[in-house]
Amino acid sequence: MSVLRRGTNLPRMGDFNQSVILEAIRRSGEGFSRIELVEATGLSAQTVTNITRRLLDEGLIEEAGRTINGPGKPRTTLRLVPRSRLSLGVHLDPAVTTTVLLDLSGAVIARSIRRTPANDPLHVIAAMAEAIEGLIVRSGVARDAIAGVGVAAPGPLDAERGTVIDPPKLHQWHRVPLRSALADAVGLPVALEKDTTAAAFAEIWTGDDPPDVSLLFVYLGTGIGTALVLDGDVVRGRSRNVGEVGHIIVDPDGPLCGCGKRGCVEVVCTPQAIVERAERAGVLADDRVGSDAESVDERFGQLCERARRGDAAALGVLVRAAEHLSVLISALTNMLDVDRVVLGGPFWERVAWVHLRELPVLLDRQSATRAVRVLPVAGSVVGDDVGAVGAACVILADVLSPRASTLLLEGGATA
C-alpha cells in the first residue's frame, strides 16, 4: 500500500484533516482502526476520534467488526460506505460520449457509451442529460447522494465561465456554456475539466502511487494531449488548459500544419494523421467518406487490426507513430523530470501492445537522465473510460481528497 498523506494538528484544519482520514480509509481497502489512523496520518488520537465520530454520524464510514492484534483491547475497524456519496462523469469526445456513475470508493456502478450526435451543441447536451438520467434510474441510487457531475471535454476551455471554445472536430462549439447548460438540464452541480486533466485525476485516484508522485499522462484521443501530476497534485495551469501540445514539432519533414509549421503533433501523431499516413503508403485504401471522427475511428481500428494479424506494412505505420510520439514525450520528460509516464485514452488500447514495446527503448535512447535511472512507461489502469472516470473523480476528490483544489462548479457546491 502507498504511503499516505499526513494530517496536521494545527487549528482550523478540520476539513483538510477529515479529507486525510477519509482518503486513508479509502486507500486501506479493508479499513483502518483508529489507532492505525493515528499512525498513518500523524494526527492526534483525539483528533482522529472526533473526526471519525463525525464521519460515522454522516454515514460516510461505518464500523466493520473488531480485530485483535496482540495484547490489549480489540480494535474496531472503520471502512468507507461506498454508496454514501456518488458522482457522475461524462467524457465528451467528437466520436463517442461516455457516461459513468461512481461510488465513493471510485468503483464504476454503471456506464453508458453512445455515439456523439453530430456537432450541434444543443443535441449533444440533451443526449448527455438523457444518459445521466438513464444511469440514475437504471442503477436505482438515491439522487440526493450524488455529489455532482464532472464533464471532461476537449480544450481549450474557459474554466471560469464554464465554456468550451472551438475544440478540434467539434466545429460548432464556439464558446458553448456547457457547464451551466448541463447543470440546468439535470439539476445537479457540474464541474468542467479538460479531458487530459480528468484522465490524470483518474490515474492518481485509482492507482497506488505515493502521495508525492510526479507523472506525465499522455492522452490518445481524437486529439493528442498531455497532463501533468507534480508532487501528487494535478497541474491545471493558470487558465486550466495545461497540456496543449498540438503544435510541438515532432517531424520537421512532416505534413504542413494549419499553424504554418511542418510536422506538428496535430498533423503527425493524431489517429487521423496516422490513418492518412497509412493511406498514402497504400496500407489502407484511400476510399474515405470523410475525415469525421466516426470515420477516423473506424479506419484506425482497421489499421490496428491488420497490424495485430501480422501485416508488416500496417505494423510499420504504428511503429513509426510510436517513434513520433517518443519525440514529444522525451521533450517533456527531459524538461519535467517526472517519476513515470502513463498513456491512456479512447485510442490507447488498440496500440498499447506496440507502444509498450517500442516507447521504453525509444525514450531511454533520448533520455537526459539515462545514466541515472530508467523512466517507467505504463498504460493507464483505468482503460478506455479514463476521461469519464476522471471527470467523476474530480467530483469525488472535492468530497474526499486532501489534494483537491477548489472546484469551479455550476449549480451549487458539492456535498
Protein backbone atom coordinates (compact mmCIF):
# COMPACT_ATOMS: atom_id res chain seq x y z
CA MET A 1 0.00 0.00 0.00
CA SER A 2 1.24 3.52 -0.78
CA VAL A 3 2.37 5.98 1.86
CA LEU A 4 -0.50 8.23 2.96
CA ARG A 5 -0.58 12.00 3.15
CA ARG A 6 -0.07 13.28 6.67
CA GLY A 7 -2.58 15.44 8.53
CA THR A 8 -1.96 18.48 10.68
CA ASN A 9 -2.84 19.19 14.30
CA LEU A 10 -2.97 22.96 13.74
CA PRO A 11 -6.27 24.72 14.49
CA ARG A 12 -8.92 25.33 11.79
CA MET A 13 -7.70 22.47 9.61
CA GLY A 14 -10.73 20.25 10.25
CA ASP A 15 -11.83 19.95 6.62
CA PHE A 16 -8.33 19.06 5.45
CA ASN A 17 -7.87 16.53 8.25
CA GLN A 18 -11.25 14.98 7.54
CA SER A 19 -10.17 14.50 3.93
CA VAL A 20 -6.88 12.97 5.08
CA ILE A 21 -8.73 10.42 7.20
CA LEU A 22 -11.28 9.63 4.50
CA GLU A 23 -8.54 9.09 1.94
CA ALA A 24 -6.59 6.89 4.35
CA ILE A 25 -9.64 4.69 4.95
CA ARG A 26 -10.42 4.57 1.21
CA ARG A 27 -6.89 3.54 0.28
CA SER A 28 -6.66 0.95 3.04
CA GLY A 29 -9.06 -1.40 1.26
CA GLU A 30 -10.25 -3.42 4.24
CA GLY A 31 -10.36 -0.42 6.57
CA PHE A 32 -8.34 1.05 9.44
CA SER A 33 -8.75 1.12 13.19
CA ARG A 34 -8.47 4.46 14.97
CA ILE A 35 -5.01 3.53 16.22
CA GLU A 36 -3.90 2.71 12.69
CA LEU A 37 -5.29 6.04 11.50
CA VAL A 38 -3.22 7.86 14.13
CA GLU A 39 -0.11 6.05 12.88
CA ALA A 40 -0.91 6.59 9.18
CA THR A 41 -1.93 10.26 9.32
CA GLY A 42 0.18 11.69 12.13
CA LEU A 43 -2.92 13.18 13.75
CA SER A 44 -3.52 13.05 17.48
CA ALA A 45 -5.73 10.31 18.90
CA GLN A 46 -8.27 12.94 20.00
CA THR A 47 -8.42 14.49 16.53
CA VAL A 48 -8.92 11.07 14.92
CA THR A 49 -11.65 10.20 17.43
CA ASN A 50 -13.51 13.47 16.85
CA ILE A 51 -13.34 13.26 13.07
CA THR A 52 -14.29 9.59 12.83
CA ARG A 53 -17.26 10.20 15.12
CA ARG A 54 -18.45 12.93 12.78
CA LEU A 55 -17.91 10.73 9.73
CA LEU A 56 -19.87 7.93 11.36
CA ASP A 57 -22.73 10.33 12.11
CA GLU A 58 -22.72 11.50 8.47
CA GLY A 59 -22.78 7.93 7.20
CA LEU A 60 -19.56 8.25 5.21
CA ILE A 61 -17.87 5.46 7.17
CA GLU A 62 -19.07 2.53 9.24
CA GLU A 63 -17.76 0.16 11.88
CA ALA A 64 -16.91 -3.18 10.31
CA GLY A 65 -16.14 -5.56 13.14
CA ARG A 66 -13.29 -5.91 15.58
CA THR A 67 -9.82 -7.36 15.26
CA ILE A 68 -7.28 -8.45 17.86
CA ASN A 69 -3.68 -7.52 17.19
CA GLY A 70 -1.58 -8.54 20.18
CA PRO A 71 -2.37 -7.62 23.78
CA GLY A 72 -4.93 -5.00 24.69
CA LYS A 73 -8.50 -4.31 23.67
CA PRO A 74 -9.82 -5.42 20.29
CA ARG A 75 -9.65 -2.69 17.63
CA THR A 76 -12.75 -1.57 15.77
CA THR A 77 -12.20 -1.40 12.02
CA LEU A 78 -13.60 1.61 10.18
CA ARG A 79 -14.33 1.39 6.49
CA LEU A 80 -15.84 3.54 3.78
CA VAL A 81 -19.55 3.34 2.95
CA PRO A 82 -19.16 3.39 -0.83
CA ARG A 83 -22.68 4.46 -1.74
CA SER A 84 -22.86 7.23 0.84
CA ARG A 85 -21.63 9.61 -1.87
CA LEU A 86 -21.79 9.14 -5.63
CA SER A 87 -20.61 11.09 -8.64
CA LEU A 88 -21.26 11.10 -12.36
CA GLY A 89 -18.64 11.57 -15.05
CA VAL A 90 -19.18 12.43 -18.70
CA HIS A 91 -16.49 12.38 -21.35
CA LEU A 92 -17.32 14.39 -24.45
CA ASP A 93 -15.33 13.12 -27.41
CA PRO A 94 -16.17 14.03 -31.02
CA ALA A 95 -16.71 10.33 -31.76
CA VAL A 96 -18.34 8.94 -28.60
CA THR A 97 -19.76 10.25 -25.34
CA THR A 98 -19.12 8.07 -22.29
CA THR A 99 -21.04 8.44 -19.03
CA VAL A 100 -20.20 6.65 -15.76
CA LEU A 101 -21.63 6.55 -12.24
CA LEU A 102 -19.04 6.09 -9.49
CA ASP A 103 -19.34 5.36 -5.80
CA LEU A 104 -17.14 6.94 -3.14
CA SER A 105 -14.52 4.21 -3.48
CA GLY A 106 -14.12 5.04 -7.16
CA ALA A 107 -15.82 1.86 -8.39
CA VAL A 108 -17.96 2.13 -11.52
CA ILE A 109 -21.59 1.31 -10.73
CA ALA A 110 -22.95 1.86 -14.24
CA ARG A 111 -21.77 3.16 -17.59
CA SER A 112 -23.17 4.23 -20.93
CA ILE A 113 -21.44 4.76 -24.29
CA ARG A 114 -23.14 6.49 -27.20
CA ARG A 115 -22.07 7.99 -30.49
CA THR A 116 -21.79 11.77 -30.12
CA PRO A 117 -24.75 13.14 -32.08
CA ALA A 118 -23.46 15.38 -34.88
CA ASN A 119 -21.93 18.70 -33.82
CA ASP A 120 -24.97 20.66 -32.67
CA PRO A 121 -24.25 21.60 -29.04
CA LEU A 122 -27.94 21.55 -28.07
CA HIS A 123 -28.35 17.97 -29.29
CA VAL A 124 -25.13 16.85 -27.62
CA ILE A 125 -26.03 18.40 -24.26
CA ALA A 126 -29.54 16.91 -24.44
CA ALA A 127 -28.01 13.49 -25.12
CA MET A 128 -25.66 13.95 -22.13
CA ALA A 129 -28.60 14.78 -19.85
CA GLU A 130 -30.54 11.78 -21.14
CA ALA A 131 -27.60 9.45 -20.49
CA ILE A 132 -27.16 10.84 -16.96
CA GLU A 133 -30.83 10.40 -16.08
CA GLY A 134 -30.76 6.91 -17.58
CA LEU A 135 -27.85 5.84 -15.37
CA ILE A 136 -29.50 7.23 -12.25
CA VAL A 137 -32.76 5.41 -12.96
CA ARG A 138 -31.11 2.18 -14.07
CA SER A 139 -28.82 1.96 -11.05
CA GLY A 140 -31.57 2.79 -8.54
CA VAL A 141 -29.33 5.09 -6.47
CA ALA A 142 -30.62 7.92 -4.29
CA ARG A 143 -30.39 11.18 -6.21
CA ASP A 144 -29.53 13.17 -3.08
CA ALA A 145 -26.40 11.01 -2.64
CA ILE A 146 -24.96 12.32 -5.93
CA ALA A 147 -22.34 14.97 -5.20
CA GLY A 148 -22.27 16.29 -8.77
CA VAL A 149 -21.41 15.71 -12.40
CA GLY A 150 -17.91 16.06 -13.80
CA VAL A 151 -17.56 16.70 -17.52
CA ALA A 152 -14.33 16.04 -19.39
CA ALA A 153 -14.19 17.96 -22.66
CA PRO A 154 -11.51 18.71 -25.26
CA GLY A 155 -9.86 22.07 -24.79
CA PRO A 156 -9.42 24.91 -24.86
CA LEU A 157 -11.85 25.77 -22.08
CA ASP A 158 -12.84 28.97 -20.34
CA ALA A 159 -12.92 27.39 -16.89
CA GLU A 160 -14.18 30.49 -15.10
CA ARG A 161 -17.24 30.75 -17.34
CA GLY A 162 -17.60 27.01 -17.88
CA THR A 163 -17.50 27.27 -21.65
CA VAL A 164 -15.98 25.14 -24.40
CA ILE A 165 -14.08 27.17 -27.01
CA ASP A 166 -13.66 25.83 -30.56
CA PRO A 167 -12.31 22.33 -29.79
CA PRO A 168 -10.95 20.27 -32.70
CA LYS A 169 -13.58 18.18 -34.52
CA LEU A 170 -16.47 19.93 -32.74
CA HIS A 171 -16.83 22.69 -35.30
CA GLN A 172 -20.00 24.36 -33.97
CA TRP A 173 -18.71 24.59 -30.39
CA HIS A 174 -17.73 28.24 -30.17
CA ARG A 175 -17.93 29.38 -26.54
CA VAL A 176 -20.67 26.90 -25.66
CA PRO A 177 -21.71 27.31 -21.96
CA LEU A 178 -21.60 23.57 -21.34
CA ARG A 179 -21.34 23.73 -17.55
CA SER A 180 -24.41 25.89 -16.94
CA ALA A 181 -26.47 24.26 -19.72
CA LEU A 182 -25.92 20.76 -18.36
CA ALA A 183 -26.49 21.87 -14.75
CA ASP A 184 -29.84 23.34 -15.80
CA ALA A 185 -30.75 20.16 -17.68
CA VAL A 186 -30.01 17.69 -14.86
CA GLY A 187 -30.44 19.82 -11.72
CA LEU A 188 -27.05 18.83 -10.27
CA PRO A 189 -23.78 20.72 -9.69
CA VAL A 190 -21.46 20.39 -12.70
CA ALA A 191 -17.68 20.75 -12.91
CA LEU A 192 -16.00 21.21 -16.30
CA GLU A 193 -12.48 19.87 -16.79
CA LYS A 194 -10.15 19.29 -19.72
CA ASP A 195 -10.22 15.65 -20.83
CA THR A 196 -6.48 15.25 -20.37
CA THR A 197 -6.59 16.71 -16.87
CA ALA A 198 -9.52 14.47 -15.96
CA ALA A 199 -7.55 11.44 -17.16
CA ALA A 200 -4.72 12.33 -14.80
CA PHE A 201 -7.22 12.60 -11.93
CA ALA A 202 -8.43 9.09 -12.72
CA GLU A 203 -4.89 7.75 -12.66
CA ILE A 204 -3.90 9.13 -9.26
CA TRP A 205 -7.33 8.35 -7.78
CA THR A 206 -7.41 4.70 -8.80
CA GLY A 207 -3.69 3.94 -8.74
CA ASP A 208 -1.42 3.09 -5.83
CA ASP A 209 1.14 5.85 -6.16
CA PRO A 210 2.72 7.60 -3.18
CA PRO A 211 1.19 10.99 -2.33
CA ASP A 212 4.18 12.87 -3.78
CA VAL A 213 4.15 11.12 -7.17
CA SER A 214 5.04 13.05 -10.32
CA LEU A 215 3.96 11.72 -13.69
CA LEU A 216 3.27 12.70 -17.28
CA PHE A 217 -0.05 11.45 -18.65
CA VAL A 218 -0.20 11.20 -22.44
CA TYR A 219 -3.77 11.18 -23.70
CA LEU A 220 -4.53 9.45 -27.00
CA GLY A 221 -7.96 10.55 -28.15
CA THR A 222 -9.27 12.17 -31.30
CA GLY A 223 -6.51 14.66 -30.49
CA ILE A 224 -3.28 14.22 -28.55
CA GLY A 225 -2.85 15.96 -25.21
CA THR A 226 -0.85 15.66 -22.03
CA ALA A 227 -1.45 16.18 -18.34
CA LEU A 228 0.99 16.68 -15.51
CA VAL A 229 0.97 15.49 -11.91
CA LEU A 230 3.59 17.07 -9.64
CA ASP A 231 4.00 16.05 -6.00
CA GLY A 232 0.62 14.31 -6.07
CA ASP A 233 -1.35 17.27 -7.43
CA VAL A 234 -2.78 17.55 -10.93
CA VAL A 235 -1.40 20.72 -12.51
CA ARG A 236 -4.20 22.62 -14.23
CA GLY A 237 -2.37 25.79 -15.28
CA ARG A 238 -3.42 29.39 -14.80
CA SER A 239 -6.33 29.11 -17.26
CA ARG A 240 -6.83 25.38 -16.53
CA ASN A 241 -5.67 24.49 -20.06
CA VAL A 242 -2.32 22.86 -19.36
CA GLY A 243 -1.19 20.15 -21.77
CA GLU A 244 -1.92 21.69 -25.19
CA VAL A 245 0.90 20.11 -27.21
CA GLY A 246 -0.67 20.06 -30.68
CA HIS A 247 1.87 22.45 -32.21
CA ILE A 248 5.08 20.94 -30.84
CA ILE A 249 7.16 19.79 -33.85
CA VAL A 250 7.97 16.07 -33.82
CA ASP A 251 8.82 15.57 -37.53
CA PRO A 252 10.38 18.55 -39.36
CA ASP A 253 9.75 16.78 -42.69
CA GLY A 254 6.14 16.02 -41.87
CA PRO A 255 2.93 17.44 -43.32
CA LEU A 256 2.18 21.15 -43.25
CA CYS A 257 0.08 22.15 -40.23
CA GLY A 258 -2.60 24.85 -40.22
CA CYS A 259 -0.31 26.91 -37.99
CA GLY A 260 2.18 27.22 -40.87
CA LYS A 261 4.82 24.84 -39.47
CA ARG A 262 5.62 21.32 -40.59
CA GLY A 263 5.43 18.17 -38.53
CA CYS A 264 3.36 19.35 -35.56
CA VAL A 265 1.83 16.78 -33.23
CA GLU A 266 -1.60 17.69 -34.60
CA VAL A 267 -0.72 16.55 -38.15
CA VAL A 268 1.64 13.70 -37.25
CA CYS A 269 0.53 11.92 -34.05
CA THR A 270 -3.28 12.00 -34.03
CA PRO A 271 -5.31 8.98 -35.20
CA GLN A 272 -6.42 10.96 -38.26
CA ALA A 273 -2.79 11.71 -39.16
CA ILE A 274 -1.82 8.05 -38.70
CA VAL A 275 -4.73 6.89 -40.88
CA GLU A 276 -3.80 9.38 -43.60
CA ARG A 277 -0.18 8.19 -43.48
CA ALA A 278 -1.38 4.60 -43.90
CA GLU A 279 -3.46 5.65 -46.91
CA ARG A 280 -0.58 7.49 -48.54
CA ALA A 281 1.55 4.36 -48.09
CA GLY A 282 -1.14 2.15 -49.61
CA VAL A 283 -1.63 0.23 -46.36
CA LEU A 284 -5.26 1.37 -46.30
CA ALA A 285 -7.23 2.04 -49.47
CA ASP A 286 -7.88 5.76 -49.90
CA ASP A 287 -11.65 5.39 -50.03
CA ARG A 288 -12.59 7.52 -47.05
CA VAL A 289 -16.00 9.10 -46.99
CA GLY A 290 -14.55 11.95 -44.95
CA SER A 291 -12.35 12.88 -42.01
CA ASP A 292 -15.13 12.98 -39.43
CA ALA A 293 -14.40 11.45 -36.03
CA GLU A 294 -16.50 8.34 -36.60
CA SER A 295 -14.80 7.55 -39.93
CA VAL A 296 -11.33 8.08 -38.46
CA ASP A 297 -12.18 5.83 -35.53
CA GLU A 298 -13.29 3.04 -37.88
CA ARG A 299 -10.26 3.35 -40.17
CA PHE A 300 -7.84 3.48 -37.26
CA GLY A 301 -9.39 0.29 -35.89
CA GLN A 302 -8.89 -1.42 -39.26
CA LEU A 303 -5.23 -0.41 -39.31
CA CYS A 304 -4.59 -1.70 -35.80
CA GLU A 305 -6.37 -4.97 -36.52
CA ARG A 306 -4.26 -5.56 -39.62
CA ALA A 307 -1.10 -4.93 -37.63
CA ARG A 308 -2.21 -7.35 -34.94
CA ARG A 309 -2.84 -10.03 -37.57
CA GLY A 310 0.73 -9.74 -38.81
CA ASP A 311 0.51 -7.21 -41.65
CA ALA A 312 4.09 -5.88 -41.72
CA ALA A 313 3.18 -2.64 -43.51
CA ALA A 314 0.41 -1.84 -41.04
CA LEU A 315 2.73 -2.61 -38.13
CA GLY A 316 5.35 -0.34 -39.67
CA VAL A 317 2.88 2.56 -39.64
CA LEU A 318 2.18 2.03 -35.94
CA VAL A 319 5.87 1.71 -35.10
CA ARG A 320 6.50 4.99 -36.91
CA ALA A 321 3.67 6.54 -34.88
CA ALA A 322 5.39 5.38 -31.67
CA GLU A 323 8.64 6.98 -32.86
CA HIS A 324 6.92 10.30 -33.44
CA LEU A 325 5.20 10.13 -30.06
CA SER A 326 8.51 9.39 -28.36
CA VAL A 327 9.89 12.71 -29.60
CA LEU A 328 7.06 14.55 -27.85
CA ILE A 329 7.29 12.52 -24.65
CA SER A 330 11.07 12.75 -24.36
CA ALA A 331 10.99 16.54 -24.81
CA LEU A 332 8.51 16.83 -21.94
CA THR A 333 10.07 14.26 -19.60
CA ASN A 334 13.56 15.66 -20.07
CA MET A 335 12.24 19.08 -19.05
CA LEU A 336 9.95 17.93 -16.20
CA ASP A 337 11.96 15.02 -14.73
CA VAL A 338 8.86 13.07 -13.64
CA ASP A 339 8.76 9.66 -11.98
CA ARG A 340 6.99 7.87 -14.81
CA VAL A 341 4.91 8.12 -17.99
CA VAL A 342 1.33 6.86 -18.29
CA LEU A 343 -0.59 6.56 -21.55
CA GLY A 344 -4.33 6.23 -21.92
CA GLY A 345 -7.45 7.47 -23.65
CA PRO A 346 -10.05 6.12 -26.09
CA PHE A 347 -7.49 5.09 -28.74
CA TRP A 348 -4.87 3.70 -26.37
CA GLU A 349 -5.90 0.05 -26.00
CA ARG A 350 -5.64 -0.59 -29.74
CA VAL A 351 -2.00 0.49 -29.91
CA ALA A 352 -0.85 -0.41 -26.40
CA TRP A 353 0.89 -3.63 -27.45
CA VAL A 354 3.04 -1.75 -29.98
CA HIS A 355 3.71 1.36 -27.90
CA LEU A 356 4.64 -0.51 -24.73
CA ARG A 357 7.16 -2.48 -26.74
CA GLU A 358 8.64 0.47 -28.63
CA LEU A 359 8.41 3.50 -26.34
CA PRO A 360 10.60 2.36 -23.40
CA VAL A 361 13.54 1.73 -25.76
CA LEU A 362 12.99 4.96 -27.69
CA LEU A 363 12.61 7.08 -24.55
CA ASP A 364 15.69 5.55 -22.93
CA ARG A 365 17.69 6.41 -26.04
CA GLN A 366 16.51 10.04 -25.87
CA SER A 367 16.61 10.42 -22.07
CA ALA A 368 18.78 13.09 -20.49
CA THR A 369 18.89 11.06 -17.27
CA ARG A 370 19.52 7.57 -18.69
CA ALA A 371 22.77 7.33 -16.71
CA VAL A 372 20.82 7.90 -13.50
CA ARG A 373 17.61 5.95 -13.88
CA VAL A 374 15.16 4.16 -16.15
CA LEU A 375 11.92 6.00 -16.91
CA PRO A 376 8.96 3.62 -16.39
CA VAL A 377 6.25 3.62 -19.08
CA ALA A 378 2.83 2.08 -18.49
CA GLY A 379 -0.74 2.10 -19.72
CA SER A 380 -3.49 3.61 -17.62
CA VAL A 381 -5.05 1.33 -15.01
CA VAL A 382 -8.48 2.75 -15.86
CA GLY A 383 -8.94 1.71 -19.50
CA ASP A 384 -10.89 3.39 -22.29
CA ASP A 385 -13.23 5.13 -19.83
CA VAL A 386 -10.39 7.13 -18.29
CA GLY A 387 -11.85 10.51 -19.32
CA ALA A 388 -15.31 9.86 -17.87
CA VAL A 389 -13.95 8.15 -14.76
CA GLY A 390 -11.54 11.02 -14.23
CA ALA A 391 -14.33 13.58 -14.55
CA ALA A 392 -16.28 11.74 -11.84
CA CYS A 393 -13.12 11.53 -9.71
CA VAL A 394 -12.79 15.32 -9.89
CA ILE A 395 -16.12 15.50 -8.07
CA LEU A 396 -15.18 12.79 -5.55
CA ALA A 397 -11.87 14.50 -4.88
CA ASP A 398 -13.73 17.54 -3.63
CA VAL A 399 -15.52 15.30 -1.15
CA LEU A 400 -12.66 13.11 -0.12
CA SER A 401 -9.15 14.01 -1.22
CA PRO A 402 -6.80 16.42 0.61
CA ARG A 403 -5.11 17.09 -2.73
CA ALA A 404 -8.14 18.64 -4.39
CA SER A 405 -8.21 22.30 -5.30
CA THR A 406 -11.45 24.24 -5.07
CA LEU A 407 -13.74 23.30 -7.96
CA LEU A 408 -15.43 25.79 -10.23
CA LEU A 409 -18.97 24.47 -10.07
CA GLU A 410 -22.25 25.49 -11.65
CA GLY A 411 -25.45 24.85 -9.73
CA GLY A 412 -24.18 24.92 -6.16
CA ALA A 413 -21.35 23.46 -4.11
CA THR A 414 -20.73 19.76 -3.97
CA ALA A 415 -21.62 17.83 -0.83
